[in-house]
Amino acid sequence: MISFFFKKKKSSLLSEKFLNFLALKLGVKPVNERLYLEAITHSSYKNIQKNNLDNERLEFLGDAFISLTVANYLYDIYPNDNEGYLTQLRAKIVSRENLNKIGQDLGLQEFILYQKSSNSYKSLVGNTFEALYGAILIDLGIEKAKKSIEDFILKSNLDIDKIILENQDYKSEVLMMYQKKGSKISFNTIRDDNTEKIWFSSTILERETIIGKGNGSSKKSAEQNACKYILNEISSF
């Protein structure tokens, strides 16, 4: 009878630090811990682990789930924007680059199990982030998984206004604006050979008058910055 009260607590498959991470950063408490262990296990780790786990199937599921949840969230908070705009914004939010950044900002990289080598595993953190939400979806259900993304990622860790600004195509706006005026503009973009790093300078001319200048690490970014200069000048009046 006494042994019943002093029964050993079942050991966790996950570290206390990772459990705290899930609770504090994502607002979740695992039921099936094996799913979360699978989510943080990269395929390269198969060579050094006893359990034949990897997170690729959970990554597939999490990818689809995150995309759907973000689409639903954007649909609700931007009721007057069209399909094309919402599609572009969703693509930016769920891009591998952005999911990598979100995962890194959360500190997820500290918990990923992978075989360290000369490979940089460029999308390691973003892929693991997707797999983690695949695990949460299976373990806790769609409503709790959705609430976690909305409350702990979209509302807390994502600057949508900044993404909108970064997603803006200044060149298209300027071309359309001058086309409506019936005026033609031209771009003179050259590489600056006086700097050690690759750098471009772009000048925009209306007839022979310079109306905008910009610099950037690529031809595209230099032209975008030159167009941004024009739009800023117009908005300041």
C-alpha atoms as a PDB file:
ATOM      1  CA  MET A   1       0.000   0.000   0.000  1.00  0.00           C
ATOM      2  CA  ILE A   2       2.835   2.369   0.939  1.00  0.00           C
ATOM      3  CA  SER A   3       4.610   1.640  -2.346  1.00  0.00           C
ATOM      4  CA  PHE A   4       1.514   2.920  -4.202  1.00  0.00           C
ATOM      5  CA  PHE A   5       1.934   6.409  -2.699  1.00  0.00           C
ATOM      6  CA  PHE A   6       5.649   6.475  -3.434  1.00  0.00           C
ATOM      7  CA  LYS A   7       5.352   5.180  -6.975  1.00  0.00           C
ATOM      8  CA  LYS A   8       8.127   6.561  -9.164  1.00  0.00           C
ATOM      9  CA  LYS A   9       7.159   9.329 -11.517  1.00  0.00           C
ATOM     10  CA  LYS A  10       7.512   8.300 -15.143  1.00  0.00           C
ATOM     11  CA  SER A  11      10.628   9.864 -16.619  1.00  0.00           C
ATOM     12  CA  SER A  12      10.103  12.424 -19.346  1.00  0.00           C
ATOM     13  CA  LEU A  13      11.377  11.975 -22.890  1.00  0.00           C
ATOM     14  CA  LEU A  14      11.930  15.738 -23.044  1.00  0.00           C
ATOM     15  CA  SER A  15      14.278  17.911 -21.024  1.00  0.00           C
ATOM     16  CA  GLU A  16      12.809  20.214 -18.406  1.00  0.00           C
ATOM     17  CA  LYS A  17      14.241  23.161 -20.328  1.00  0.00           C
ATOM     18  CA  PHE A  18      12.436  22.135 -23.526  1.00  0.00           C
ATOM     19  CA  LEU A  19       9.174  21.587 -21.632  1.00  0.00           C
ATOM     20  CA  ASN A  20       9.517  25.124 -20.221  1.00  0.00           C
ATOM     21  CA  PHE A  21      10.202  26.409 -23.740  1.00  0.00           C
ATOM     22  CA  LEU A  22       6.986  24.815 -25.021  1.00  0.00           C
ATOM     23  CA  ALA A  23       4.982  26.236 -22.125  1.00  0.00           C
ATOM     24  CA  LEU A  24       6.399  29.760 -22.152  1.00  0.00           C
ATOM     25  CA  LYS A  25       7.045  30.333 -25.849  1.00  0.00           C
ATOM     26  CA  LEU A  26       4.167  28.369 -27.433  1.00  0.00           C
ATOM     27  CA  GLY A  27       1.696  27.953 -24.574  1.00  0.00           C
ATOM     28  CA  VAL A  28       1.500  24.162 -24.834  1.00  0.00           C
ATOM     29  CA  LYS A  29       1.875  21.230 -22.434  1.00  0.00           C
ATOM     30  CA  PRO A  30       2.616  17.941 -24.228  1.00  0.00           C
ATOM     31  CA  VAL A  31       0.538  14.825 -23.705  1.00  0.00           C
ATOM     32  CA  ASN A  32       2.350  12.538 -26.150  1.00  0.00           C
ATOM     33  CA  GLU A  33       5.980  13.560 -25.630  1.00  0.00           C
ATOM     34  CA  ARG A  34       7.261  11.218 -28.323  1.00  0.00           C
ATOM     35  CA  LEU A  35       5.668  13.450 -30.978  1.00  0.00           C
ATOM     36  CA  TYR A  36       7.675  16.444 -29.778  1.00  0.00           C
ATOM     37  CA  LEU A  37      10.875  14.416 -29.652  1.00  0.00           C
ATOM     38  CA  GLU A  38      10.197  13.386 -33.236  1.00  0.00           C
ATOM     39  CA  ALA A  39       9.530  17.026 -34.184  1.00  0.00           C
ATOM     40  CA  ILE A  40      12.958  18.222 -33.033  1.00  0.00           C
ATOM     41  CA  THR A  41      14.860  15.286 -34.569  1.00  0.00           C
ATOM     42  CA  HIS A  42      16.481  16.016 -37.935  1.00  0.00           C
ATOM     43  CA  SER A  43      16.954  13.146 -40.395  1.00  0.00           C
ATOM     44  CA  SER A  44      20.753  13.444 -40.038  1.00  0.00           C
ATOM     45  CA  TYR A  45      20.433  12.346 -36.410  1.00  0.00           C
ATOM     46  CA  LYS A  46      19.310   8.837 -37.419  1.00  0.00           C
ATOM     47  CA  ASN A  47      22.954   7.769 -37.595  1.00  0.00           C
ATOM     48  CA  ILE A  48      23.557   8.405 -33.898  1.00  0.00           C
ATOM     49  CA  GLN A  49      20.204   7.681 -32.243  1.00  0.00           C
ATOM     50  CA  LYS A  50      18.648   4.409 -31.127  1.00  0.00           C
ATOM     51  CA  ASN A  51      15.099   5.316 -32.126  1.00  0.00           C
ATOM     52  CA  ASN A  52      14.500   5.560 -35.850  1.00  0.00           C
ATOM     53  CA  LEU A  53      12.884   9.017 -35.702  1.00  0.00           C
ATOM     54  CA  ASP A  54      12.953  12.057 -37.956  1.00  0.00           C
ATOM     55  CA  ASN A  55      10.689  15.071 -38.319  1.00  0.00           C
ATOM     56  CA  GLU A  56      10.003  15.087 -42.082  1.00  0.00           C
ATOM     57  CA  ARG A  57       6.405  13.778 -41.926  1.00  0.00           C
ATOM     58  CA  LEU A  58       5.516  16.190 -39.104  1.00  0.00           C
ATOM     59  CA  GLU A  59       7.161  18.999 -41.117  1.00  0.00           C
ATOM     60  CA  PHE A  60       4.841  18.197 -44.042  1.00  0.00           C
ATOM     61  CA  LEU A  61       1.797  18.389 -41.769  1.00  0.00           C
ATOM     62  CA  GLY A  62       2.939  21.503 -39.935  1.00  0.00           C
ATOM     63  CA  ASP A  63       3.669  23.318 -43.196  1.00  0.00           C
ATOM     64  CA  ALA A  64       0.086  22.846 -44.399  1.00  0.00           C
ATOM     65  CA  PHE A  65      -1.399  23.684 -40.996  1.00  0.00           C
ATOM     66  CA  ILE A  66       0.606  26.909 -40.529  1.00  0.00           C
ATOM     67  CA  SER A  67      -0.302  28.082 -44.031  1.00  0.00           C
ATOM     68  CA  LEU A  68      -4.013  27.459 -43.386  1.00  0.00           C
ATOM     69  CA  THR A  69      -3.944  29.161 -39.980  1.00  0.00           C
ATOM     70  CA  VAL A  70      -2.114  32.217 -41.327  1.00  0.00           C
ATOM     71  CA  ALA A  71      -4.587  32.448 -44.247  1.00  0.00           C
ATOM     72  CA  ASN A  72      -7.536  32.342 -41.841  1.00  0.00           C
ATOM     73  CA  TYR A  73      -5.925  34.961 -39.574  1.00  0.00           C
ATOM     74  CA  LEU A  74      -5.222  37.366 -42.462  1.00  0.00           C
ATOM     75  CA  TYR A  75      -8.750  36.859 -43.835  1.00  0.00           C
ATOM     76  CA  ASP A  76     -10.176  37.976 -40.482  1.00  0.00           C
ATOM     77  CA  ILE A  77      -7.964  40.994 -39.811  1.00  0.00           C
ATOM     78  CA  TYR A  78      -7.929  42.371 -43.385  1.00  0.00           C
ATOM     79  CA  PRO A  79     -11.597  42.149 -44.468  1.00  0.00           C
ATOM     80  CA  ASN A  80     -11.229  44.710 -47.269  1.00  0.00           C
ATOM     81  CA  ASP A  81      -8.109  43.414 -49.033  1.00  0.00           C
ATOM     82  CA  ASN A  82      -8.255  41.284 -52.168  1.00  0.00           C
ATOM     83  CA  GLU A  83      -7.113  37.706 -52.760  1.00  0.00           C
ATOM     84  CA  GLY A  84      -3.894  38.705 -54.521  1.00  0.00           C
ATOM     85  CA  TYR A  85      -2.718  40.926 -51.673  1.00  0.00           C
ATOM     86  CA  LEU A  86      -3.568  38.345 -48.995  1.00  0.00           C
ATOM     87  CA  THR A  87      -1.807  35.589 -50.970  1.00  0.00           C
ATOM     88  CA  GLN A  88       1.389  37.661 -51.232  1.00  0.00           C
ATOM     89  CA  LEU A  89       1.304  38.528 -47.544  1.00  0.00           C
ATOM     90  CA  ARG A  90       0.717  34.915 -46.498  1.00  0.00           C
ATOM     91  CA  ALA A  91       3.579  33.755 -48.757  1.00  0.00           C
ATOM     92  CA  LYS A  92       5.910  36.229 -47.057  1.00  0.00           C
ATOM     93  CA  ILE A  93       4.866  35.139 -43.549  1.00  0.00           C
ATOM     94  CA  VAL A  94       5.177  31.381 -44.196  1.00  0.00           C
ATOM     95  CA  SER A  95       8.347  31.646 -46.300  1.00  0.00           C
ATOM     96  CA  ARG A  96      11.225  29.462 -45.168  1.00  0.00           C
ATOM     97  CA  GLU A  97      13.309  32.578 -44.499  1.00  0.00           C
ATOM     98  CA  ASN A  98      10.662  34.060 -42.201  1.00  0.00           C
ATOM     99  CA  LEU A  99       9.957  30.794 -40.359  1.00  0.00           C
ATOM    100  CA  ASN A 100      13.706  30.401 -39.797  1.00  0.00           C
ATOM    101  CA  LYS A 101      13.753  33.872 -38.255  1.00  0.00           C
ATOM    102  CA  ILE A 102      10.718  33.192 -36.044  1.00  0.00           C
ATOM    103  CA  GLY A 103      12.258  29.934 -34.808  1.00  0.00           C
ATOM    104  CA  GLN A 104      15.586  31.623 -34.093  1.00  0.00           C
ATOM    105  CA  ASP A 105      13.915  34.507 -32.267  1.00  0.00           C
ATOM    106  CA  LEU A 106      12.104  31.961 -30.084  1.00  0.00           C
ATOM    107  CA  GLY A 107      15.369  30.086 -29.382  1.00  0.00           C
ATOM    108  CA  LEU A 108      14.203  26.830 -30.965  1.00  0.00           C
ATOM    109  CA  GLN A 109      17.651  26.053 -32.418  1.00  0.00           C
ATOM    110  CA  GLU A 110      18.940  25.171 -28.949  1.00  0.00           C
ATOM    111  CA  PHE A 111      16.738  22.048 -28.811  1.00  0.00           C
ATOM    112  CA  ILE A 112      17.136  20.581 -32.323  1.00  0.00           C
ATOM    113  CA  LEU A 113      18.787  17.158 -32.550  1.00  0.00           C
ATOM    114  CA  TYR A 114      20.956  16.898 -35.639  1.00  0.00           C
ATOM    115  CA  GLN A 115      24.347  15.615 -36.694  1.00  0.00           C
ATOM    116  CA  LYS A 116      26.705  18.561 -36.695  1.00  0.00           C
ATOM    117  CA  SER A 117      28.876  18.557 -39.798  1.00  0.00           C
ATOM    118  CA  SER A 118      30.109  20.782 -42.595  1.00  0.00           C
ATOM    119  CA  ASN A 119      26.483  20.991 -43.798  1.00  0.00           C
ATOM    120  CA  SER A 120      24.855  24.245 -42.737  1.00  0.00           C
ATOM    121  CA  TYR A 121      21.277  22.855 -42.957  1.00  0.00           C
ATOM    122  CA  LYS A 122      20.017  26.209 -44.188  1.00  0.00           C
ATOM    123  CA  SER A 123      16.345  25.630 -43.314  1.00  0.00           C
ATOM    124  CA  LEU A 124      16.935  23.559 -40.165  1.00  0.00           C
ATOM    125  CA  VAL A 125      15.147  25.880 -37.734  1.00  0.00           C
ATOM    126  CA  GLY A 126      12.219  26.736 -40.045  1.00  0.00           C
ATOM    127  CA  ASN A 127      11.629  23.069 -40.877  1.00  0.00           C
ATOM    128  CA  THR A 128      11.710  22.153 -37.185  1.00  0.00           C
ATOM    129  CA  PHE A 129       9.267  24.956 -36.397  1.00  0.00           C
ATOM    130  CA  GLU A 130       6.835  23.455 -38.929  1.00  0.00           C
ATOM    131  CA  ALA A 131       7.359  19.946 -37.520  1.00  0.00           C
ATOM    132  CA  LEU A 132       6.707  21.211 -34.000  1.00  0.00           C
ATOM    133  CA  TYR A 133       3.310  22.543 -35.054  1.00  0.00           C
ATOM    134  CA  GLY A 134       2.609  19.239 -36.770  1.00  0.00           C
ATOM    135  CA  ALA A 135       3.220  17.585 -33.387  1.00  0.00           C
ATOM    136  CA  ILE A 136       1.056  20.109 -31.515  1.00  0.00           C
ATOM    137  CA  LEU A 137      -1.762  19.587 -34.024  1.00  0.00           C
ATOM    138  CA  ILE A 138      -1.776  15.807 -33.579  1.00  0.00           C
ATOM    139  CA  ASP A 139      -1.223  15.918 -29.813  1.00  0.00           C
ATOM    140  CA  LEU A 140      -3.582  18.690 -28.704  1.00  0.00           C
ATOM    141  CA  GLY A 141      -5.985  19.149 -31.614  1.00  0.00           C
ATOM    142  CA  ILE A 142      -6.675  21.858 -34.143  1.00  0.00           C
ATOM    143  CA  GLU A 143      -8.180  24.483 -31.793  1.00  0.00           C
ATOM    144  CA  LYS A 144      -5.277  24.497 -29.317  1.00  0.00           C
ATOM    145  CA  ALA A 145      -2.714  24.419 -32.131  1.00  0.00           C
ATOM    146  CA  LYS A 146      -4.468  27.328 -33.862  1.00  0.00           C
ATOM    147  CA  LYS A 147      -4.641  29.315 -30.610  1.00  0.00           C
ATOM    148  CA  SER A 148      -0.929  28.745 -30.039  1.00  0.00           C
ATOM    149  CA  ILE A 149       0.032  30.133 -33.462  1.00  0.00           C
ATOM    150  CA  GLU A 150      -2.300  33.118 -33.206  1.00  0.00           C
ATOM    151  CA  ASP A 151      -1.515  34.115 -29.599  1.00  0.00           C
ATOM    152  CA  PHE A 152       2.185  33.245 -29.351  1.00  0.00           C
ATOM    153  CA  ILE A 153       3.402  33.781 -32.946  1.00  0.00           C
ATOM    154  CA  LEU A 154       1.153  35.994 -35.063  1.00  0.00           C
ATOM    155  CA  LYS A 155       0.160  38.435 -32.311  1.00  0.00           C
ATOM    156  CA  SER A 156       3.322  38.327 -30.200  1.00  0.00           C
ATOM    157  CA  ASN A 157       6.325  37.549 -32.412  1.00  0.00           C
ATOM    158  CA  LEU A 158       5.385  38.840 -35.841  1.00  0.00           C
ATOM    159  CA  ASP A 159       5.520  42.448 -37.029  1.00  0.00           C
ATOM    160  CA  ILE A 160       3.008  42.282 -39.886  1.00  0.00           C
ATOM    161  CA  ASP A 161       3.330  46.019 -40.572  1.00  0.00           C
ATOM    162  CA  LYS A 162       7.059  45.547 -41.163  1.00  0.00           C
ATOM    163  CA  ILE A 163       6.397  42.595 -43.474  1.00  0.00           C
ATOM    164  CA  ILE A 164       3.889  44.671 -45.437  1.00  0.00           C
ATOM    165  CA  LEU A 165       6.494  47.407 -45.823  1.00  0.00           C
ATOM    166  CA  GLU A 166       9.172  44.921 -46.931  1.00  0.00           C
ATOM    167  CA  ASN A 167       6.739  43.325 -49.352  1.00  0.00           C
ATOM    168  CA  GLN A 168       5.948  46.621 -51.066  1.00  0.00           C
ATOM    169  CA  ASP A 169       7.010  46.826 -54.711  1.00  0.00           C
ATOM    170  CA  TYR A 170       8.144  50.450 -54.976  1.00  0.00           C
ATOM    171  CA  LYS A 171       9.265  50.108 -58.587  1.00  0.00           C
ATOM    172  CA  SER A 172       5.862  48.939 -59.796  1.00  0.00           C
ATOM    173  CA  GLU A 173       4.185  51.797 -57.910  1.00  0.00           C
ATOM    174  CA  VAL A 174       6.462  54.413 -59.461  1.00  0.00           C
ATOM    175  CA  LEU A 175       6.147  52.986 -62.985  1.00  0.00           C
ATOM    176  CA  MET A 176       2.355  52.937 -62.678  1.00  0.00           C
ATOM    177  CA  MET A 177       2.274  56.470 -61.271  1.00  0.00           C
ATOM    178  CA  TYR A 178       4.301  57.954 -64.149  1.00  0.00           C
ATOM    179  CA  GLN A 179       2.426  55.886 -66.706  1.00  0.00           C
ATOM    180  CA  LYS A 180      -0.813  57.486 -65.496  1.00  0.00           C
ATOM    181  CA  LYS A 181       0.838  60.889 -65.874  1.00  0.00           C
ATOM    182  CA  GLY A 182       1.743  59.974 -69.458  1.00  0.00           C
ATOM    183  CA  SER A 183       5.407  60.446 -68.658  1.00  0.00           C
ATOM    184  CA  LYS A 184       8.232  58.005 -69.336  1.00  0.00           C
ATOM    185  CA  ILE A 185      11.004  57.345 -66.834  1.00  0.00           C
ATOM    186  CA  SER A 186      14.289  55.476 -67.223  1.00  0.00           C
ATOM    187  CA  PHE A 187      16.691  53.722 -64.843  1.00  0.00           C
ATOM    188  CA  ASN A 188      20.457  54.095 -64.965  1.00  0.00           C
ATOM    189  CA  THR A 189      21.852  51.421 -62.658  1.00  0.00           C
ATOM    190  CA  ILE A 190      25.584  50.757 -62.427  1.00  0.00           C
ATOM    191  CA  ARG A 191      27.924  48.753 -60.243  1.00  0.00           C
ATOM    192  CA  ASP A 192      30.142  50.837 -57.997  1.00  0.00           C
ATOM    193  CA  ASP A 193      33.717  49.540 -58.417  1.00  0.00           C
ATOM    194  CA  ASN A 194      35.101  51.878 -55.754  1.00  0.00           C
ATOM    195  CA  THR A 195      33.852  49.745 -52.849  1.00  0.00           C
ATOM    196  CA  GLU A 196      35.221  46.425 -51.573  1.00  0.00           C
ATOM    197  CA  LYS A 197      31.790  44.817 -51.367  1.00  0.00           C
ATOM    198  CA  ILE A 198      29.348  44.463 -54.272  1.00  0.00           C
ATOM    199  CA  TRP A 199      27.341  47.666 -54.441  1.00  0.00           C
ATOM    200  CA  PHE A 200      25.036  49.240 -57.022  1.00  0.00           C
ATOM    201  CA  SER A 201      23.829  52.791 -57.559  1.00  0.00           C
ATOM    202  CA  SER A 202      20.615  53.609 -59.398  1.00  0.00           C
ATOM    203  CA  THR A 203      19.445  56.921 -60.820  1.00  0.00           C
ATOM    204  CA  ILE A 204      15.901  57.482 -62.124  1.00  0.00           C
ATOM    205  CA  LEU A 205      15.353  60.089 -64.813  1.00  0.00           C
ATOM    206  CA  GLU A 206      12.213  61.729 -66.123  1.00  0.00           C
ATOM    207  CA  ARG A 207      13.290  62.904 -69.555  1.00  0.00           C
ATOM    208  CA  GLU A 208      16.721  64.231 -68.525  1.00  0.00           C
ATOM    209  CA  THR A 209      15.908  65.299 -64.980  1.00  0.00           C
ATOM    210  CA  ILE A 210      17.060  63.172 -62.050  1.00  0.00           C
ATOM    211  CA  ILE A 211      14.040  62.436 -59.856  1.00  0.00           C
ATOM    212  CA  GLY A 212      15.392  59.670 -57.637  1.00  0.00           C
ATOM    213  CA  LYS A 213      18.562  57.971 -56.413  1.00  0.00           C
ATOM    214  CA  GLY A 214      19.200  54.792 -54.485  1.00  0.00           C
ATOM    215  CA  ASN A 215      21.876  52.268 -53.537  1.00  0.00           C
ATOM    216  CA  GLY A 216      21.831  48.564 -52.745  1.00  0.00           C
ATOM    217  CA  SER A 217      23.733  45.292 -52.716  1.00  0.00           C
ATOM    218  CA  SER A 218      21.979  44.226 -55.934  1.00  0.00           C
ATOM    219  CA  LYS A 219      20.650  45.971 -59.030  1.00  0.00           C
ATOM    220  CA  LYS A 220      17.089  45.202 -57.926  1.00  0.00           C
ATOM    221  CA  SER A 221      17.490  46.608 -54.411  1.00  0.00           C
ATOM    222  CA  ALA A 222      19.203  49.771 -55.720  1.00  0.00           C
ATOM    223  CA  GLU A 223      16.287  50.437 -58.089  1.00  0.00           C
ATOM    224  CA  GLN A 224      13.727  49.689 -55.362  1.00  0.00           C
ATOM    225  CA  ASN A 225      15.458  52.146 -53.026  1.00  0.00           C
ATOM    226  CA  ALA A 226      15.549  54.820 -55.740  1.00  0.00           C
ATOM    227  CA  CYS A 227      11.794  54.358 -56.260  1.00  0.00           C
ATOM    228  CA  LYS A 228      11.213  54.440 -52.510  1.00  0.00           C
ATOM    229  CA  TYR A 229      13.027  57.788 -52.428  1.00  0.00           C
ATOM    230  CA  ILE A 230      10.599  59.192 -55.028  1.00  0.00           C
ATOM    231  CA  LEU A 231       7.530  57.976 -53.107  1.00  0.00           C
ATOM    232  CA  ASN A 232       8.893  59.397 -49.840  1.00  0.00           C
ATOM    233  CA  GLU A 233       9.514  62.753 -51.513  1.00  0.00           C
ATOM    234  CA  ILE A 234       5.958  62.842 -52.823  1.00  0.00           C
ATOM    235  CA  SER A 235       4.411  61.879 -49.473  1.00  0.00           C
ATOM    236  CA  SER A 236       6.391  64.596 -47.663  1.00  0.00           C
ATOM    237  CA  PHE A 237       4.583  67.371 -49.550  1.00  0.00           C
END
